[in-house]
Amino acid sequence: MSKRRKSIFQIRGNLSKRVYYSGVIGIFLFILLVWSVMSYGQLVERTFLPTPDQVLLQFGHQLSSGDFWGHIGISIYRVGMGFLLACILGIPLGILAGTFRFAEAVVVPPTEFIRYMPATAFVPLIMVWAGIGETAKVLVIFVGCFFQLVLMVADNARAVSNDLLQVSYTMGAKRWQVFEKVLVPALLPDLMNTLRLVLGWAWTYLVVAELVAANNGLGFAIMKAQRFLNTDIIFVGIIVIGLLGLITDRMFAYCHKRFFPWLEGGR
């Protein structure tokens, strides 16, 4: 086995950027190939699986439409507000639960219980409590993110080395100083990775949120296209949501690498 092949299959082995990006491009080309064979070869009826060129043409048509950009804007707003609300409430609760045992006893058990309930199950209650306006759509995304975020942030806080905290006490730091100057800065790199993951989940809840009596948004556009079997528009909506999610993910990855350059794996 060659040295390069050993490096590829080695656990946590190094991989050159050329090989890495070749793999990324290769898998997307493979998906495109399978899609093309199935659609152009009419192995699947084009009503249900449009050809790549149909989707590309529809993509260009939709991007030239002001209405579609309006759908994109309102969906970004809903995801952003739901995620921001989850962060404002979930991060402090998670840090407290991961730092103080009394807070863990109060916060973690109910959160563990509720997180197994699908966000879609809360839609009827949210509609009863918040109506069918923008608040309800934001709350669906909030519910989908909040409970997972609290538990993950608590794990981030617990992951901070206890030795590091004890050294701070030994050097004369008070409890609040240890919390503010040592524990919180030490958990920030893991916290940013957690936020990156949770924001990805927020995008997955978008279509569910826009089932709540929506008349705009990417989820609404997808559901409207489904009623008329416009599968090319469905593909465009899904691709755009994926691209928006990828852009936000890369933004978090860039910020992680920029703010914590000393950490390995900040790509």
Protein backbone atom coordinates (compact mmCIF):
# COMPACT_ATOMS: atom_id res chain seq x y z
CA MET A 1 0.00 0.00 0.00
CA SER A 2 1.46 3.37 -1.01
CA LYS A 3 2.19 6.11 1.51
CA ARG A 4 -0.58 8.31 0.07
CA ARG A 5 -3.16 5.53 0.36
CA LYS A 6 -2.06 4.82 3.93
CA SER A 7 -2.58 8.49 4.75
CA ILE A 8 -6.08 8.46 3.25
CA PHE A 9 -7.25 5.45 5.26
CA GLN A 10 -5.36 6.27 8.45
CA ILE A 11 -7.55 7.24 11.41
CA ARG A 12 -7.40 11.05 11.62
CA GLY A 13 -4.65 11.00 9.06
CA ASN A 14 -3.57 14.12 7.20
CA LEU A 15 -5.13 14.80 3.83
CA SER A 16 -3.90 17.31 1.28
CA LYS A 17 -6.30 20.01 0.13
CA ARG A 18 -6.07 18.67 -3.40
CA VAL A 19 -7.26 15.22 -2.36
CA TYR A 20 -9.91 16.65 -0.05
CA TYR A 21 -11.48 18.92 -2.65
CA SER A 22 -11.18 16.23 -5.30
CA GLY A 23 -13.35 14.04 -3.07
CA VAL A 24 -15.87 16.84 -2.55
CA ILE A 25 -16.15 17.55 -6.28
CA GLY A 26 -16.22 13.85 -7.08
CA ILE A 27 -19.21 13.05 -4.86
CA PHE A 28 -21.23 15.94 -6.28
CA LEU A 29 -20.40 14.84 -9.82
CA PHE A 30 -21.46 11.30 -8.94
CA ILE A 31 -24.83 12.54 -7.62
CA LEU A 32 -25.27 14.61 -10.77
CA LEU A 33 -24.43 11.59 -12.92
CA VAL A 34 -26.98 9.37 -11.17
CA TRP A 35 -29.60 12.12 -11.40
CA SER A 36 -28.88 12.61 -15.12
CA VAL A 37 -29.07 8.89 -15.92
CA MET A 38 -32.39 8.53 -14.10
CA SER A 39 -33.99 11.67 -15.58
CA TYR A 40 -32.60 11.81 -19.14
CA GLY A 41 -32.89 8.05 -19.44
CA GLN A 42 -36.52 8.37 -18.31
CA LEU A 43 -36.04 5.69 -15.67
CA VAL A 44 -38.23 8.01 -13.58
CA GLU A 45 -41.09 10.04 -15.06
CA ARG A 46 -39.99 13.66 -15.54
CA THR A 47 -43.09 14.85 -13.71
CA PHE A 48 -41.52 13.37 -10.58
CA LEU A 49 -37.82 13.83 -11.38
CA PRO A 50 -36.98 16.81 -13.61
CA THR A 51 -33.75 16.87 -15.58
CA PRO A 52 -30.78 18.93 -14.34
CA ASP A 53 -31.19 21.44 -17.17
CA GLN A 54 -34.89 21.92 -16.26
CA VAL A 55 -33.92 22.69 -12.69
CA LEU A 56 -31.10 24.99 -13.82
CA LEU A 57 -33.43 26.95 -16.11
CA GLN A 58 -36.05 27.18 -13.37
CA PHE A 59 -33.36 28.27 -10.93
CA GLY A 60 -32.39 31.16 -13.20
CA HIS A 61 -36.04 32.05 -13.78
CA GLN A 62 -36.80 32.14 -10.06
CA LEU A 63 -33.73 34.22 -9.23
CA SER A 64 -34.86 36.79 -11.79
CA SER A 65 -38.19 37.07 -9.97
CA GLY A 66 -38.65 39.61 -7.21
CA ASP A 67 -41.23 37.36 -5.55
CA PHE A 68 -38.67 34.58 -5.10
CA TRP A 69 -36.19 36.95 -3.48
CA GLY A 70 -39.01 37.99 -1.16
CA HIS A 71 -39.47 34.32 -0.21
CA ILE A 72 -35.74 34.05 0.48
CA GLY A 73 -35.71 37.20 2.62
CA ILE A 74 -38.64 36.21 4.83
CA SER A 75 -37.24 32.71 5.32
CA ILE A 76 -33.86 34.12 6.39
CA TYR A 77 -35.69 36.40 8.82
CA ARG A 78 -37.67 33.51 10.35
CA VAL A 79 -34.66 31.25 10.73
CA GLY A 80 -32.54 34.09 12.11
CA MET A 81 -35.11 35.18 14.67
CA GLY A 82 -35.89 31.64 15.84
CA PHE A 83 -32.19 30.82 16.16
CA LEU A 84 -31.40 34.13 17.89
CA LEU A 85 -34.20 33.65 20.42
CA ALA A 86 -32.98 30.12 21.14
CA CYS A 87 -29.45 31.46 21.69
CA ILE A 88 -30.55 34.32 23.98
CA LEU A 89 -32.41 31.93 26.27
CA GLY A 90 -30.58 28.65 25.70
CA ILE A 91 -26.92 29.67 26.04
CA PRO A 92 -27.17 31.15 29.57
CA LEU A 93 -29.32 28.23 30.75
CA GLY A 94 -26.90 25.72 29.23
CA ILE A 95 -23.86 27.36 30.81
CA LEU A 96 -25.56 27.44 34.20
CA ALA A 97 -26.67 23.80 33.88
CA GLY A 98 -23.15 22.73 32.95
CA THR A 99 -21.53 24.74 35.74
CA PHE A 100 -23.73 24.46 38.84
CA ARG A 101 -25.27 21.20 40.02
CA PHE A 102 -28.42 22.86 41.35
CA ALA A 103 -29.05 24.40 37.92
CA GLU A 104 -28.41 21.03 36.29
CA ALA A 105 -31.04 19.44 38.56
CA VAL A 106 -33.60 22.08 37.59
CA VAL A 107 -32.85 22.50 33.87
CA VAL A 108 -31.59 19.21 32.47
CA PRO A 109 -34.32 16.65 33.38
CA PRO A 110 -37.26 18.55 31.81
CA THR A 111 -35.11 19.54 28.84
CA GLU A 112 -34.04 15.93 28.30
CA PHE A 113 -37.70 14.92 28.35
CA ILE A 114 -38.99 17.61 25.99
CA ARG A 115 -36.18 17.31 23.43
CA TYR A 116 -37.51 13.91 22.32
CA MET A 117 -40.82 15.49 21.35
CA PRO A 118 -40.78 16.44 17.65
CA ALA A 119 -41.18 20.14 16.93
CA THR A 120 -44.06 19.33 14.57
CA ALA A 121 -46.06 18.06 17.56
CA PHE A 122 -45.99 21.56 19.02
CA VAL A 123 -47.43 23.23 15.91
CA PRO A 124 -51.11 22.95 17.00
CA LEU A 125 -50.28 24.34 20.45
CA ILE A 126 -48.21 27.16 18.98
CA MET A 127 -51.09 28.08 16.68
CA VAL A 128 -53.47 28.15 19.66
CA TRP A 129 -51.11 30.19 21.81
CA ALA A 130 -49.51 32.52 19.24
CA GLY A 131 -51.98 32.55 16.35
CA ILE A 132 -50.90 32.08 12.74
CA GLY A 133 -48.70 35.15 12.27
CA GLU A 134 -44.95 35.55 12.13
CA THR A 135 -44.59 34.81 15.85
CA ALA A 136 -45.87 31.27 15.37
CA LYS A 137 -43.40 30.54 12.58
CA VAL A 138 -40.48 31.87 14.60
CA LEU A 139 -41.60 29.84 17.63
CA VAL A 140 -41.61 26.59 15.63
CA ILE A 141 -37.94 27.13 14.75
CA PHE A 142 -37.21 28.22 18.32
CA VAL A 143 -38.75 25.04 19.76
CA GLY A 144 -36.81 22.91 17.28
CA CYS A 145 -33.51 24.46 18.40
CA PHE A 146 -33.86 25.53 22.03
CA PHE A 147 -33.94 22.25 23.95
CA GLN A 148 -31.11 20.67 21.97
CA LEU A 149 -29.06 23.84 22.36
CA VAL A 150 -29.42 23.93 26.15
CA LEU A 151 -28.13 20.38 26.54
CA MET A 152 -25.27 20.82 24.08
CA VAL A 153 -24.11 24.06 25.73
CA ALA A 154 -24.28 22.32 29.12
CA ASP A 155 -21.98 19.61 27.73
CA ASN A 156 -19.63 22.33 26.43
CA ALA A 157 -19.43 23.83 29.92
CA ARG A 158 -18.80 20.41 31.53
CA ALA A 159 -16.01 19.74 29.03
CA VAL A 160 -13.91 22.59 30.45
CA SER A 161 -11.08 21.01 32.44
CA ASN A 162 -11.71 21.00 36.18
CA ASP A 163 -7.95 21.29 36.70
CA LEU A 164 -8.05 24.62 34.88
CA LEU A 165 -10.70 25.89 37.28
CA GLN A 166 -8.84 24.62 40.34
CA VAL A 167 -5.63 26.34 39.22
CA SER A 168 -7.60 29.60 38.95
CA TYR A 169 -8.84 29.20 42.53
CA THR A 170 -5.30 28.42 43.66
CA MET A 171 -4.09 31.67 42.11
CA GLY A 172 -6.62 33.61 44.15
CA ALA A 173 -9.50 34.06 41.72
CA LYS A 174 -12.97 34.40 43.17
CA ARG A 175 -15.91 32.29 42.05
CA TRP A 176 -17.34 34.90 39.68
CA GLN A 177 -13.87 35.64 38.28
CA VAL A 178 -13.35 31.94 37.54
CA PHE A 179 -16.74 31.81 35.84
CA GLU A 180 -16.28 34.99 33.81
CA LYS A 181 -12.55 34.95 33.06
CA VAL A 182 -11.79 31.22 32.81
CA LEU A 183 -14.81 28.98 32.25
CA VAL A 184 -16.71 31.07 29.70
CA PRO A 185 -13.67 31.87 27.49
CA ALA A 186 -12.59 28.21 27.65
CA LEU A 187 -15.93 26.93 26.36
CA LEU A 188 -16.26 29.47 23.51
CA PRO A 189 -14.61 27.33 20.78
CA ASP A 190 -16.91 24.38 21.49
CA LEU A 191 -19.85 26.76 21.85
CA MET A 192 -19.29 28.13 18.36
CA ASN A 193 -19.28 24.59 16.95
CA THR A 194 -22.51 23.92 18.82
CA LEU A 195 -24.14 27.03 17.39
CA ARG A 196 -23.00 25.99 13.94
CA LEU A 197 -24.77 22.64 14.30
CA VAL A 198 -27.93 24.11 15.80
CA LEU A 199 -28.22 26.70 13.04
CA GLY A 200 -28.18 23.82 10.57
CA TRP A 201 -31.13 22.30 12.42
CA ALA A 202 -32.91 25.66 12.29
CA TRP A 203 -32.83 25.51 8.48
CA THR A 204 -34.29 22.00 8.54
CA TYR A 205 -37.28 23.25 10.56
CA LEU A 206 -38.00 26.06 8.10
CA VAL A 207 -40.46 24.13 5.93
CA VAL A 208 -42.30 22.90 9.04
CA ALA A 209 -42.53 26.46 10.34
CA GLU A 210 -43.90 27.70 7.04
CA LEU A 211 -46.71 25.15 7.10
CA VAL A 212 -48.37 27.38 9.70
CA ALA A 213 -50.76 29.32 7.43
CA ALA A 214 -47.90 30.90 5.47
CA ASN A 215 -48.37 32.86 2.27
CA ASN A 216 -44.65 33.49 1.67
CA GLY A 217 -41.26 31.95 2.31
CA LEU A 218 -39.29 29.15 0.67
CA GLY A 219 -41.29 26.48 2.50
CA PHE A 220 -44.50 28.00 1.21
CA ALA A 221 -43.08 28.10 -2.34
CA ILE A 222 -42.15 24.40 -2.08
CA MET A 223 -45.57 23.37 -0.77
CA LYS A 224 -47.34 25.45 -3.43
CA ALA A 225 -45.24 23.82 -6.15
CA GLN A 226 -46.08 20.40 -4.70
CA ARG A 227 -49.80 21.03 -5.14
CA PHE A 228 -49.29 21.62 -8.87
CA LEU A 229 -46.58 18.94 -9.33
CA ASN A 230 -44.01 21.57 -10.28
CA THR A 231 -41.14 19.40 -9.15
CA ASP A 232 -38.53 21.61 -10.78
CA ILE A 233 -39.58 24.46 -8.47
CA ILE A 234 -39.48 22.05 -5.52
CA PHE A 235 -35.89 21.16 -6.45
CA VAL A 236 -35.00 24.85 -6.72
CA GLY A 237 -36.46 25.60 -3.29
CA ILE A 238 -34.63 22.68 -1.69
CA ILE A 239 -31.34 23.65 -3.36
CA VAL A 240 -31.69 27.28 -2.25
CA ILE A 241 -32.35 26.24 1.36
CA GLY A 242 -29.30 23.99 1.15
CA LEU A 243 -27.16 26.80 -0.24
CA LEU A 244 -28.31 29.24 2.44
CA GLY A 245 -27.54 26.66 5.10
CA LEU A 246 -24.13 26.01 3.57
CA ILE A 247 -23.34 29.74 3.49
CA THR A 248 -24.19 30.18 7.17
CA ASP A 249 -22.22 27.04 8.02
CA ARG A 250 -19.15 28.34 6.20
CA MET A 251 -19.52 31.69 7.97
CA PHE A 252 -19.37 29.93 11.34
CA ALA A 253 -16.43 27.81 10.18
CA TYR A 254 -14.58 30.94 9.05
CA CYS A 255 -15.28 32.74 12.32
CA HIS A 256 -14.13 29.71 14.30
CA LYS A 257 -10.86 29.60 12.38
CA ARG A 258 -10.42 33.37 12.68
CA PHE A 259 -11.21 33.66 16.40
CA PHE A 260 -9.49 30.45 17.53
CA PRO A 261 -6.60 29.94 15.09
CA TRP A 262 -4.61 27.88 17.62
CA LEU A 263 -7.16 25.06 17.56
CA GLU A 264 -6.65 22.14 15.23
CA GLY A 265 -9.57 21.37 12.94
CA GLY A 266 -10.84 24.93 12.63
CA ARG A 267 -11.58 24.46 8.92
